[in-house]
Protein backbone atom coordinates (compact mmCIF):
# COMPACT_ATOMS: atom_id res chain seq x y z
CA MET A 1 81.72 105.83 89.72
CA GLU A 2 79.67 104.98 86.63
CA LYS A 3 78.18 108.48 86.28
CA LEU A 4 81.43 110.40 86.66
CA SER A 5 83.03 112.36 83.82
CA ALA A 6 86.44 111.20 82.56
CA PRO A 7 88.38 113.82 84.57
CA GLN A 8 86.37 113.03 87.71
CA TYR A 9 86.80 109.29 87.22
CA GLY A 10 90.55 109.57 86.65
CA PHE A 11 90.95 111.83 89.67
CA LEU A 12 89.02 109.48 91.96
CA VAL A 13 90.88 106.37 90.78
CA ALA A 14 94.24 108.09 91.27
CA LEU A 15 93.19 109.29 94.71
CA ILE A 16 92.09 105.82 95.88
CA CYS A 17 95.20 104.14 94.51
CA SER A 18 97.39 106.74 96.18
CA VAL A 19 96.16 105.73 99.63
CA GLY A 20 98.95 103.20 99.16
CA GLY A 21 101.27 106.20 99.15
CA LEU A 22 99.68 107.49 102.36
CA LEU A 23 100.50 104.16 104.03
CA PHE A 24 104.01 104.40 102.63
CA GLY A 25 104.35 107.87 104.19
CA TYR A 26 102.91 106.79 107.52
CA ASP A 27 105.20 103.79 107.73
CA ILE A 28 108.41 105.67 106.96
CA ALA A 29 107.58 108.60 109.26
CA VAL A 30 106.17 106.78 112.28
CA ILE A 31 109.63 105.51 113.13
CA SER A 32 110.90 109.07 113.71
CA GLY A 33 108.69 109.52 116.75
CA ALA A 34 108.87 105.95 117.98
CA VAL A 35 112.59 105.22 117.65
CA GLN A 36 113.85 107.07 120.73
CA TYR A 37 111.21 105.43 122.93
CA PHE A 38 111.41 101.82 121.77
CA SER A 39 115.20 102.19 121.78
CA ALA A 40 115.01 103.06 125.48
CA TYR A 41 112.40 100.34 126.11
CA PHE A 42 114.58 97.62 124.56
CA ASP A 43 117.91 99.27 125.60
CA LEU A 44 119.37 99.25 122.07
CA SER A 45 122.92 100.05 120.93
CA PRO A 46 123.45 102.52 118.02
CA ALA A 47 123.82 99.63 115.56
CA MET A 48 120.60 98.05 116.84
CA VAL A 49 118.82 101.40 116.57
CA GLY A 50 119.85 101.44 112.91
CA TRP A 51 118.51 97.90 112.55
CA GLY A 52 115.24 98.88 114.21
CA VAL A 53 114.82 101.59 111.58
CA SER A 54 116.19 99.76 108.55
CA SER A 55 114.58 96.35 109.21
CA ALA A 56 111.37 97.53 107.56
CA LEU A 57 113.45 98.49 104.54
CA ILE A 58 114.68 94.91 104.21
CA GLY A 59 111.03 93.96 103.85
CA CYS A 60 110.67 96.75 101.28
CA MET A 61 113.45 95.25 99.21
CA ALA A 62 111.79 91.84 99.30
CA GLY A 63 108.41 93.30 98.40
CA ALA A 64 109.84 95.33 95.53
CA GLY A 65 111.71 92.25 94.33
CA VAL A 66 108.55 90.16 93.89
CA ALA A 67 106.10 92.95 93.01
CA SER A 68 106.77 92.62 89.29
CA THR A 69 106.13 88.88 89.21
CA LEU A 70 102.99 89.14 91.33
CA SER A 71 101.53 92.05 89.37
CA GLU A 72 102.21 90.35 86.03
CA LYS A 73 100.44 87.20 87.18
CA TYR A 74 97.59 88.57 89.28
CA GLY A 75 97.24 92.19 88.16
CA ARG A 76 98.04 95.55 89.72
CA LYS A 77 94.81 95.78 91.72
CA LYS A 78 95.28 92.54 93.66
CA VAL A 79 98.87 93.39 94.56
CA LEU A 80 97.75 96.77 95.91
CA HIS A 81 95.11 94.97 97.95
CA LEU A 82 97.73 92.59 99.35
CA SER A 83 99.92 95.50 100.40
CA ALA A 84 97.04 97.00 102.41
CA ILE A 85 96.56 93.72 104.28
CA LEU A 86 100.27 93.53 105.12
CA PHE A 87 100.23 97.11 106.41
CA ALA A 88 97.31 96.21 108.68
CA VAL A 89 99.09 93.11 110.06
CA SER A 90 102.20 95.18 110.71
CA ALA A 91 100.26 97.93 112.48
CA ILE A 92 98.69 95.48 114.90
CA GLY A 93 101.83 93.39 115.47
CA SER A 94 104.21 96.33 115.88
CA SER A 95 102.01 97.84 118.57
CA MET A 96 102.32 94.93 121.00
CA PRO A 97 105.70 93.16 120.80
CA ASP A 98 107.29 91.75 123.94
CA THR A 99 110.76 91.58 122.42
CA PHE A 100 112.79 93.62 119.97
CA SER A 101 112.90 90.62 117.61
CA GLU A 102 109.09 90.55 117.47
CA LEU A 103 109.03 94.25 116.63
CA VAL A 104 111.53 93.69 113.82
CA ILE A 105 109.45 90.82 112.36
CA TYR A 106 106.31 92.94 112.16
CA ARG A 107 108.26 95.89 110.79
CA VAL A 108 109.60 93.60 108.05
CA ILE A 109 106.04 92.51 107.23
CA GLY A 110 104.97 96.14 106.93
CA GLY A 111 108.06 96.82 104.87
CA PHE A 112 107.07 94.04 102.47
CA GLY A 113 103.73 95.78 101.98
CA MET A 114 105.55 99.08 101.48
CA GLY A 115 107.80 97.51 98.85
CA LEU A 116 104.77 96.23 96.95
CA SER A 117 102.94 99.56 97.07
CA SER A 118 106.04 101.63 96.22
CA MET A 119 106.37 99.71 92.96
CA ILE A 120 102.74 99.09 92.05
CA VAL A 121 101.25 102.53 92.74
CA PRO A 122 103.44 104.50 90.28
CA VAL A 123 103.12 101.76 87.66
CA TYR A 124 99.33 101.68 88.03
CA LEU A 125 99.06 105.48 87.89
CA SER A 126 101.23 105.71 84.77
CA GLU A 127 99.18 103.01 83.03
CA ILE A 128 95.74 104.46 83.73
CA SER A 129 96.46 108.20 83.47
CA PRO A 130 95.88 110.27 80.30
CA SER A 131 99.17 111.51 78.83
CA ASP A 132 98.35 115.16 79.58
CA LYS A 133 97.58 114.30 83.21
CA ARG A 134 100.22 111.65 83.91
CA GLY A 135 102.59 113.98 85.72
CA PHE A 136 99.70 115.31 87.80
CA TYR A 137 98.22 111.92 88.66
CA GLY A 138 101.66 110.36 89.01
CA SER A 139 102.48 113.01 91.61
CA PHE A 140 99.45 111.93 93.64
CA ASN A 141 101.62 109.18 95.03
CA GLN A 142 104.06 111.67 96.49
CA VAL A 143 101.26 113.98 97.67
CA MET A 144 99.75 111.11 99.62
CA ILE A 145 103.15 110.00 100.91
CA THR A 146 103.73 113.45 102.32
CA PHE A 147 100.17 113.63 103.63
CA GLY A 148 100.87 110.36 105.42
CA ILE A 149 104.05 111.86 106.85
CA LEU A 150 102.15 114.96 108.01
CA CYS A 151 99.41 112.86 109.62
CA THR A 152 102.01 110.73 111.37
CA TYR A 153 103.91 113.71 112.76
CA PHE A 154 100.66 115.24 114.01
CA ILE A 155 99.55 111.96 115.60
CA ASN A 156 102.96 111.57 117.24
CA TYR A 157 102.77 115.13 118.57
CA VAL A 158 99.32 114.50 120.07
CA ILE A 159 100.43 111.20 121.61
CA VAL A 160 103.50 112.62 123.39
CA SER A 161 102.03 115.97 124.48
CA GLY A 162 101.85 116.30 128.24
CA ARG A 163 102.99 112.75 128.91
CA GLY A 164 105.60 111.58 131.38
CA LEU A 165 108.77 109.82 130.27
CA ASP A 166 107.79 106.44 131.73
CA TRP A 167 104.54 106.36 129.75
CA LEU A 168 106.34 107.48 126.59
CA VAL A 169 108.89 104.68 126.86
CA GLU A 170 106.36 102.02 127.82
CA THR A 171 103.33 102.92 125.70
CA ALA A 172 103.61 105.91 123.32
CA TRP A 173 105.47 104.13 120.52
CA ARG A 174 102.89 101.32 120.55
CA TRP A 175 100.06 103.76 119.79
CA MET A 176 102.16 105.38 117.07
CA PHE A 177 102.51 102.06 115.23
CA PHE A 178 98.86 101.08 115.81
CA GLY A 179 97.58 104.25 114.12
CA GLU A 180 98.56 102.83 110.74
CA LEU A 181 95.66 100.38 110.94
CA ILE A 182 93.11 103.05 109.96
CA PRO A 183 94.49 103.97 106.49
CA ALA A 184 95.35 100.29 105.88
CA ALA A 185 91.70 99.36 106.42
CA VAL A 186 90.56 102.22 104.17
CA LEU A 187 92.77 101.01 101.30
CA ALA A 188 91.82 97.35 101.81
CA ILE A 189 88.15 98.30 101.34
CA ALA A 190 88.59 100.99 98.65
CA ALA A 191 90.77 98.72 96.47
CA PHE A 192 87.68 96.63 95.67
CA PHE A 193 86.30 99.60 93.71
CA LEU A 194 89.42 100.25 91.60
CA PRO A 195 89.52 99.17 87.95
CA GLU A 196 92.34 96.97 86.74
CA SER A 197 95.17 98.53 84.71
CA PRO A 198 94.06 98.71 81.05
CA ARG A 199 97.56 97.88 79.87
CA TRP A 200 97.61 94.74 82.01
CA LEU A 201 94.18 93.78 80.66
CA VAL A 202 95.44 94.10 77.08
CA GLN A 203 98.38 91.87 77.96
CA GLN A 204 95.82 89.33 79.22
CA LYS A 205 93.92 89.64 75.90
CA ARG A 206 91.00 91.39 77.59
CA SER A 207 90.90 94.41 75.28
CA THR A 208 87.14 94.96 75.59
CA GLU A 209 87.47 95.52 79.33
CA ALA A 210 90.53 97.70 78.78
CA LYS A 211 88.69 99.88 76.26
CA ALA A 212 85.82 100.43 78.70
CA ILE A 213 88.24 101.59 81.42
CA LEU A 214 90.16 103.81 79.00
CA ALA A 215 86.87 105.41 77.94
CA LYS A 216 86.02 106.20 81.55
CA ALA A 217 89.47 107.65 82.26
CA ASN A 218 90.18 109.40 78.94
CA GLY A 219 86.80 109.89 77.25
CA ASN A 220 85.09 107.89 74.51
CA GLU A 221 86.85 109.71 71.67
CA LYS A 222 90.39 109.07 72.87
CA ALA A 223 89.90 105.51 74.11
CA PRO A 224 90.18 103.70 70.70
CA THR A 225 93.39 105.54 69.79
CA ILE A 226 95.01 104.84 73.14
CA LEU A 227 93.91 101.20 73.02
CA ASN A 228 95.43 100.84 69.54
CA GLU A 229 98.75 102.32 70.76
CA ILE A 230 98.81 99.84 73.64
CA GLU A 231 97.98 96.89 71.38
CA VAL A 232 100.65 97.87 68.85
CA ASP A 233 103.24 98.22 71.60
CA ILE A 234 102.29 94.94 73.23
CA SER A 235 102.24 93.19 69.84
CA ARG A 236 105.98 93.72 69.81
CA THR A 237 106.42 91.74 72.97
CA THR A 238 108.24 88.89 71.38
CA ILE A 239 110.96 90.91 73.16
CA SER A 240 109.19 90.48 76.49
CA ASN A 241 110.70 87.02 76.78
CA LYS A 242 114.15 88.52 76.36
CA GLY A 243 116.24 90.11 79.06
CA ILE A 244 116.41 93.85 79.55
CA TYR A 245 119.87 94.20 77.99
CA GLU A 246 119.10 91.80 75.16
CA SER A 247 116.10 93.96 74.31
CA GLY A 248 118.26 97.10 74.10
CA LEU A 249 116.83 98.62 77.28
CA GLY A 250 119.97 98.82 79.39
CA LYS A 251 120.14 102.62 79.29
CA VAL A 252 116.48 102.88 80.24
CA LEU A 253 117.11 100.58 83.21
CA TRP A 254 120.12 102.53 84.42
CA MET A 255 118.35 105.86 84.11
CA ALA A 256 115.48 104.53 86.22
CA ILE A 257 117.97 103.18 88.77
CA ALA A 258 120.05 106.37 88.84
CA VAL A 259 117.19 108.76 89.57
CA ALA A 260 115.66 106.38 92.12
CA CYS A 261 118.83 105.60 94.08
CA LEU A 262 120.44 109.03 93.99
CA SER A 263 117.20 110.65 95.16
CA GLN A 264 117.52 108.54 98.32
CA ALA A 265 121.25 109.16 98.69
CA THR A 266 120.46 112.86 99.18
CA GLY A 267 119.76 111.98 102.82
CA ILE A 268 116.03 112.63 102.72
CA ASN A 269 115.16 109.66 104.87
CA VAL A 270 117.65 110.62 107.55
CA ILE A 271 115.48 113.70 107.96
CA ILE A 272 112.29 111.61 107.91
CA TYR A 273 113.38 108.59 109.98
CA TYR A 274 115.50 110.41 112.54
CA THR A 275 113.72 113.77 112.64
CA THR A 276 113.35 113.99 116.41
CA VAL A 277 116.84 112.67 117.14
CA LEU A 278 118.36 114.90 114.45
CA LEU A 279 116.63 118.09 115.57
CA ASN A 280 117.69 117.48 119.15
CA SER A 281 121.27 116.82 118.11
CA ILE A 282 121.65 119.98 116.00
CA GLY A 283 120.05 122.23 118.59
CA THR A 284 116.81 123.38 116.96
CA GLY A 285 114.80 122.39 120.05
CA ASP A 286 114.72 123.89 123.53
CA GLY A 287 113.56 120.79 125.40
CA GLY A 288 109.90 121.65 124.89
CA THR A 289 109.91 124.77 127.08
CA THR A 290 108.19 126.63 124.21
CA LEU A 291 105.85 125.46 121.45
CA TRP A 292 108.28 126.43 118.67
CA GLY A 293 111.13 124.72 120.47
CA ASP A 294 109.23 121.43 120.86
CA VAL A 295 110.85 119.05 118.35
CA PHE A 296 107.61 117.09 117.94
CA PHE A 297 105.84 120.33 116.97
CA GLN A 298 108.75 121.06 114.63
CA ASN A 299 108.05 117.64 113.09
CA VAL A 300 104.51 118.80 112.33
CA LEU A 301 105.88 121.93 110.63
CA ILE A 302 108.20 119.73 108.59
CA GLY A 303 105.20 117.58 107.61
CA VAL A 304 103.33 120.69 106.43
CA VAL A 305 106.31 121.70 104.29
CA CYS A 306 106.58 118.22 102.75
CA PHE A 307 102.87 118.11 101.96
CA SER A 308 102.89 121.62 100.46
CA ALA A 309 105.89 120.72 98.31
CA ALA A 310 104.16 117.64 96.92
CA ILE A 311 101.15 119.73 95.91
CA VAL A 312 103.49 122.13 94.09
CA ALA A 313 105.02 119.14 92.28
CA ALA A 314 101.60 117.81 91.26
CA LYS A 315 100.63 121.20 89.81
CA ASN A 316 103.86 121.79 87.91
CA ALA A 317 105.09 118.40 86.68
CA ASP A 318 103.06 118.68 83.46
CA LYS A 319 103.83 122.40 83.02
CA LEU A 320 107.51 122.87 83.80
CA GLY A 321 108.69 119.42 82.77
CA ARG A 322 110.51 116.67 84.62
CA ARG A 323 114.06 117.48 83.55
CA PRO A 324 114.36 121.16 84.64
CA MET A 325 112.55 120.44 87.90
CA MET A 326 114.93 117.57 88.69
CA ILE A 327 118.04 119.62 87.87
CA TRP A 328 117.12 122.72 89.87
CA GLY A 329 115.61 120.73 92.69
CA SER A 330 118.70 118.59 93.21
CA LEU A 331 120.95 121.66 93.14
CA ILE A 332 118.91 123.36 95.87
CA VAL A 333 118.88 120.11 97.85
CA ALA A 334 122.67 119.93 97.57
CA ALA A 335 123.16 123.55 98.65
CA THR A 336 120.91 123.29 101.70
CA ILE A 337 122.17 119.94 103.00
CA ILE A 338 125.78 121.16 102.64
CA LEU A 339 124.81 124.31 104.55
CA VAL A 340 123.45 122.10 107.34
CA GLY A 341 126.79 120.28 107.35
CA LEU A 342 128.77 123.53 107.56
CA ALA A 343 126.58 124.78 110.43
CA VAL A 344 127.07 121.55 112.37
CA LEU A 345 130.81 121.52 111.61
CA THR A 346 131.30 125.05 112.94
CA GLY A 347 128.86 124.66 115.83
CA ASN A 348 126.76 127.54 114.53
CA THR A 349 123.45 125.74 115.08
CA GLY A 350 120.11 126.80 116.46
CA ILE A 351 116.49 127.16 115.53
CA TRP A 352 117.47 129.07 112.36
CA LEU A 353 118.69 125.76 110.99
CA LEU A 354 115.12 124.50 111.01
CA ALA A 355 114.39 126.99 108.19
CA VAL A 356 117.28 125.55 106.16
CA ILE A 357 115.99 122.01 106.70
CA MET A 358 112.52 123.10 105.63
CA THR A 359 113.97 124.64 102.45
CA TYR A 360 115.78 121.37 101.78
CA LEU A 361 112.56 119.41 102.30
CA PHE A 362 110.51 121.74 100.11
CA ALA A 363 113.04 121.50 97.27
CA PHE A 364 113.18 117.72 97.56
CA GLY A 365 109.43 117.26 97.98
CA SER A 366 108.56 119.36 94.94
CA THR A 367 111.13 117.77 92.60
CA CYS A 368 113.44 114.90 93.56
CA GLY A 369 110.83 113.18 95.71
CA PRO A 370 107.87 112.63 93.37
CA LEU A 371 109.45 112.84 89.92
CA PRO A 372 111.76 109.77 90.01
CA TRP A 373 108.64 107.61 90.51
CA VAL A 374 106.95 109.25 87.51
CA ILE A 375 110.09 109.06 85.36
CA ALA A 376 110.90 105.42 86.15
CA ALA A 377 107.41 104.28 85.20
CA GLU A 378 106.96 106.37 82.06
CA ILE A 379 110.29 105.79 80.24
CA CYS A 380 109.73 102.02 80.05
CA PRO A 381 107.88 100.14 77.29
CA ASN A 382 104.91 98.03 78.35
CA SER A 383 106.85 94.83 77.70
CA HIS A 384 109.44 95.55 80.40
CA ARG A 385 107.89 98.21 82.62
CA ASN A 386 107.21 95.89 85.53
CA ARG A 387 110.70 94.42 85.45
CA ILE A 388 112.54 97.72 85.11
CA VAL A 389 110.47 99.56 87.72
CA SER A 390 110.75 96.56 90.06
CA LYS A 391 114.55 96.52 89.76
CA SER A 392 114.86 100.27 90.25
CA THR A 393 112.50 100.11 93.23
CA LEU A 394 114.51 97.24 94.74
CA LEU A 395 117.71 99.29 94.50
CA PHE A 396 115.83 102.38 95.74
CA TRP A 397 115.11 100.47 98.95
CA PHE A 398 118.62 99.06 99.11
CA THR A 399 119.96 102.63 99.05
CA ASN A 400 117.41 103.50 101.70
CA VAL A 401 118.65 100.65 103.91
CA ILE A 402 122.26 101.79 103.59
CA VAL A 403 121.40 105.39 104.45
CA ALA A 404 119.18 104.44 107.40
CA GLN A 405 121.65 101.92 108.80
CA THR A 406 124.77 104.06 108.46
CA PHE A 407 123.51 107.41 109.74
CA PRO A 408 123.40 106.51 113.46
CA MET A 409 126.73 104.71 113.10
CA MET A 410 128.36 107.76 111.47
CA ASN A 411 126.64 110.13 113.85
CA ASP A 412 127.92 108.22 116.90
CA SER A 413 131.40 107.44 115.55
CA PRO A 414 134.02 108.91 117.97
CA TRP A 415 136.51 109.49 115.12
CA LEU A 416 133.97 111.27 112.88
CA GLN A 417 132.72 113.30 115.83
CA GLU A 418 136.25 114.38 116.64
CA HIS A 419 137.12 115.40 113.08
CA PHE A 420 133.76 116.54 111.69
CA ASN A 421 131.67 117.34 114.78
CA GLY A 422 128.73 115.33 113.41
CA SER A 423 128.71 117.03 110.00
CA PHE A 424 130.21 114.22 107.91
CA PRO A 425 126.92 112.57 106.78
CA PHE A 426 125.55 115.86 105.45
CA PHE A 427 128.55 116.44 103.19
CA ILE A 428 128.17 112.92 101.80
CA TYR A 429 124.48 113.54 101.05
CA GLY A 430 125.37 116.86 99.41
CA LEU A 431 127.85 115.10 97.10
CA PHE A 432 125.22 112.59 95.98
CA SER A 433 122.75 115.44 95.39
CA LEU A 434 125.23 117.07 93.02
CA MET A 435 125.68 113.74 91.24
CA LEU A 436 121.91 113.56 90.73
CA ALA A 437 121.87 117.07 89.25
CA TYR A 438 124.64 116.16 86.81
CA ILE A 439 123.02 112.93 85.64
CA CYS A 440 119.68 114.66 85.07
CA TYR A 441 121.41 117.46 83.15
CA ARG A 442 123.55 115.12 81.07
CA TYR A 443 121.29 112.15 80.37
CA LEU A 444 117.62 112.72 81.27
CA PRO A 445 115.33 113.63 78.34
CA GLU A 446 112.04 115.46 78.72
CA THR A 447 108.93 113.25 78.80
CA LYS A 448 106.01 115.54 79.63
CA GLY A 449 102.91 115.45 77.44
CA LYS A 450 103.75 112.17 75.68
CA THR A 451 102.02 108.83 75.92
CA VAL A 452 104.09 106.07 77.50
CA GLU A 453 104.23 104.44 74.04
CA GLU A 454 105.58 107.65 72.44
CA ILE A 455 108.20 108.02 75.15
CA TYR A 456 109.54 104.56 74.42
CA GLN A 457 109.90 105.40 70.72
CA GLU A 458 111.65 108.70 71.42
CA PHE A 459 113.71 107.87 74.52
CA LEU A 460 117.14 106.70 73.38
CA PRO A 461 115.87 105.82 69.91
CA GLU A 462 118.98 103.83 69.00
CA THR A 463 117.78 101.15 71.41
CA ALA A 464 114.19 101.24 70.27
CA GLN A 465 114.75 100.48 66.58
CA PRO A 466 115.79 96.84 66.97
CA VAL A 467 112.62 96.19 68.94
CA SER A 468 110.29 97.53 66.27
CA ASN A 469 112.12 95.64 63.52
CA GLU A 470 111.10 92.34 65.05
CA VAL A 471 107.46 92.87 64.09
CA ALA A 472 106.04 92.80 60.62
CA PRO A 473 104.05 95.90 59.70
């Protein structure tokens, strides 16, 4: 890595770090293929199916809750390394449980690793990326998440193809979980070669090391200027011992929380976690009598759409801007998920609905999926970034738990089935999608092309002034 140019170095570092996103994607998607088989193996009720899916998310909440403290004390790199180890433990343990409780324990362990990586990867990428590349590199996380989803769907399709039901129930889901060990091992090894976050190094009074890393990532000419901006910002961190509200950062916190939580309340993870169950229930499959009617093959197509959308996001985040992409993306998400609800309500379902779901996923994956991670990390000052991103990530996973736990309960509710024919959840997700569009339109400023220090000075400036006044010129 020593002989690479600044763009090459930055690209490689972002790529290695984003393997954490690949593990994130694998972990959230593997459940979609495994759930129907381990549910049959353990003979689970609808509520227990929800717990089997959402248990990992409880671990995510715990991981996100401590990620800030761990990364402040030990650095971003070590926390990323820890997450890879936890993913590996989960992959092995989840592949050979004798009881449902054992499966839940290992899923929680993997979820803890997912919570760590979901917080630390976007923070790390925002802190090491040049300002003109931050949207691009920040979107790497989502690109790798969707690549992980695509890989998982393909692996699941290969595992189940041509197999009998008994083998699927007894063995298939075990291999699905075990497959996560490969990317976990890759990240555990590759993390040794990552540099530490320059902003964390400055906080540790290791500016010489930080300058060397900034020079590699940004070029020798820009490194001193960027280092000076970081040092000036961190010199104001008499506020870092204060709470978020006391420091005048309440609006920053709530913006980070709003975009994170509402992006999940759009129902995206119902599509990801329950893909196979959902496609069967709305009639896009034909029982596997044809390739296009095989719901596991349809999963692969969905994975391709998600991956393609993330690439579009990576290419356009620094060109079109975060705000317009979030607004238009959430409106399209709302329109398509409501259309799914109307189709289910009226019984007018079929394979055509797969195209609507793919449109929904493309809109989400190119806007509302990757950008909240970029936004949450870049609107925060250095002094409180870890705390604000950690809190928004914690509530992101809490929203995820609620959505994952309630979908099978709503979907199997006799009263909701009688009155809404299974469409009720989709209308709820559509409402939250419209709320996200409104909040982005009303409150979200544009942040593209600015350093994270500049964003803090310009984002809600009435809260920034008291912070700067605490420091003598």
